[in-house]
Amino acid sequence: MKKDRPVTKERILSSIGLSFRAGILTSGFDACELAMRSGAAELLILSEDGSEKQKEKLERVAKDEDVECRKIATAEELGRAIGKDHRIAIVILDQGMGKKLMSLIDELGRIEKSAEKAE
């Protein structure tokens, strides 16, 4: 039986890259907003840095359209994961991958919080 790999930021970014190559991801402010408003979005992923004004607007759209939202990595790391320049936002268009990434990001958050408490 295959043992689960540990949850790391690199594993999450790798899954984001796979989503891009599979064509189930869109990126960039306008494309993300359009995907959410059209009902195609499953998950909005925002960078931890970048334009707060743009991220706040996308978070509002996600809330209005009932799209889950998570934050991870820097804009540079998100862009690198999909072979592009800096990206403050990406949207996952596939329900299965959206749920997988949400789960991984949430698990990484729990791991990081427990590590902080242990310090």
Protein backbone atom coordinates (compact mmCIF):
# COMPACT_ATOMS: atom_id res chain seq x y z
CA MET A 1 0.00 0.00 0.00
CA LYS A 2 1.31 3.42 -0.98
CA LYS A 3 2.09 5.66 1.97
CA ASP A 4 0.74 9.21 1.79
CA ARG A 5 3.32 11.87 1.11
CA PRO A 6 3.54 14.56 3.76
CA VAL A 7 1.69 17.79 3.08
CA THR A 8 4.14 20.53 2.10
CA LYS A 9 3.84 23.82 0.26
CA GLU A 10 5.89 22.24 -2.55
CA ARG A 11 3.37 19.40 -2.89
CA ILE A 12 0.51 21.89 -3.09
CA LEU A 13 2.33 24.02 -5.68
CA SER A 14 3.04 20.85 -7.67
CA SER A 15 -0.69 20.02 -7.67
CA ILE A 16 -1.42 23.57 -8.84
CA GLY A 17 1.06 23.09 -11.70
CA LEU A 18 -0.61 19.80 -12.61
CA SER A 19 -3.98 21.59 -12.66
CA PHE A 20 -2.56 24.17 -15.07
CA ARG A 21 -1.19 21.51 -17.40
CA ALA A 22 -4.55 19.68 -17.27
CA GLY A 23 -6.35 22.87 -18.28
CA ILE A 24 -8.47 23.06 -15.13
CA LEU A 25 -7.01 26.31 -13.81
CA THR A 26 -7.20 29.93 -14.78
CA SER A 27 -5.04 32.74 -13.45
CA GLY A 28 -4.84 36.49 -13.34
CA PHE A 29 -7.25 38.99 -11.83
CA ASP A 30 -9.72 39.38 -14.72
CA ALA A 31 -9.82 35.68 -15.66
CA CYS A 32 -10.38 34.66 -12.03
CA GLU A 33 -13.16 37.19 -11.55
CA LEU A 34 -14.86 36.05 -14.79
CA ALA A 35 -14.58 32.35 -13.84
CA MET A 36 -16.19 33.02 -10.46
CA ARG A 37 -19.00 35.20 -11.86
CA SER A 38 -19.77 32.62 -14.58
CA GLY A 39 -20.11 29.81 -12.02
CA ALA A 40 -17.12 27.84 -13.34
CA ALA A 41 -14.90 28.32 -10.27
CA GLU A 42 -14.48 25.70 -7.54
CA LEU A 43 -11.65 27.28 -5.54
CA LEU A 44 -9.96 30.69 -5.45
CA ILE A 45 -6.34 30.57 -4.33
CA LEU A 46 -4.77 33.90 -3.39
CA SER A 47 -1.13 34.66 -2.76
CA GLU A 48 -0.04 35.74 0.70
CA ASP A 49 1.48 38.90 -0.78
CA GLY A 50 0.58 41.23 -3.64
CA SER A 51 -2.10 43.87 -4.06
CA GLU A 52 -4.40 43.85 -1.03
CA LYS A 53 -7.01 45.88 -2.95
CA GLN A 54 -7.21 43.29 -5.75
CA LYS A 55 -7.23 40.35 -3.35
CA GLU A 56 -10.01 41.95 -1.27
CA LYS A 57 -12.13 42.47 -4.41
CA LEU A 58 -11.64 38.83 -5.47
CA GLU A 59 -12.50 37.65 -1.94
CA ARG A 60 -15.75 39.66 -2.13
CA VAL A 61 -16.61 38.10 -5.50
CA ALA A 62 -15.80 34.62 -4.12
CA LYS A 63 -18.11 35.24 -1.16
CA ASP A 64 -20.89 36.58 -3.40
CA GLU A 65 -20.56 33.60 -5.77
CA ASP A 66 -20.16 31.01 -2.97
CA VAL A 67 -16.63 30.02 -4.05
CA GLU A 68 -14.22 28.71 -1.41
CA CYS A 69 -11.06 30.79 -0.95
CA ARG A 70 -7.64 29.88 0.45
CA LYS A 71 -4.30 31.69 0.72
CA ILE A 72 -0.92 30.08 0.18
CA ALA A 73 2.53 30.96 -1.13
CA THR A 74 3.84 34.16 -2.62
CA ALA A 75 2.73 35.59 -5.96
CA GLU A 76 6.12 34.57 -7.35
CA GLU A 77 5.70 30.96 -6.13
CA LEU A 78 2.17 30.71 -7.56
CA GLY A 79 3.36 32.07 -10.89
CA ARG A 80 6.35 29.73 -10.98
CA ALA A 81 4.07 26.74 -10.28
CA ILE A 82 2.24 27.38 -13.55
CA GLY A 83 5.18 28.66 -15.58
CA LYS A 84 4.05 32.28 -15.56
CA ASP A 85 4.99 35.60 -14.00
CA HIS A 86 3.72 36.62 -10.57
CA ARG A 87 0.13 35.57 -9.92
CA ILE A 88 -1.84 36.90 -6.95
CA ALA A 89 -4.83 34.76 -7.86
CA ILE A 90 -5.64 31.47 -9.50
CA VAL A 91 -8.95 29.66 -9.80
CA ILE A 92 -9.37 25.90 -9.93
CA LEU A 93 -12.18 24.94 -12.31
CA ASP A 94 -12.46 21.22 -11.44
CA GLN A 95 -14.48 20.15 -8.40
CA GLY A 96 -12.30 17.15 -7.51
CA MET A 97 -9.03 19.09 -7.71
CA GLY A 98 -10.61 22.02 -5.88
CA LYS A 99 -11.56 19.78 -2.97
CA LYS A 100 -8.13 18.09 -2.97
CA LEU A 101 -6.28 21.43 -2.88
CA MET A 102 -8.59 22.83 -0.19
CA SER A 103 -7.90 19.76 1.92
CA LEU A 104 -4.12 19.99 1.39
CA ILE A 105 -3.98 23.73 2.14
CA ASP A 106 -6.11 23.29 5.27
CA GLU A 107 -3.94 20.39 6.45
CA LEU A 108 -0.75 22.42 5.89
CA GLY A 109 -2.30 25.24 7.96
CA ARG A 110 -3.02 22.82 10.81
CA ILE A 111 0.56 21.46 10.64
CA GLU A 112 2.02 24.97 10.72
CA LYS A 113 -0.20 26.02 13.64
CA SER A 114 0.75 22.99 15.72
CA ALA A 115 4.44 23.64 14.95
CA GLU A 116 4.03 27.24 16.18
CA LYS A 117 2.40 26.05 19.40
CA ALA A 118 5.25 23.60 19.99
CA GLU A 119 7.81 26.40 19.88
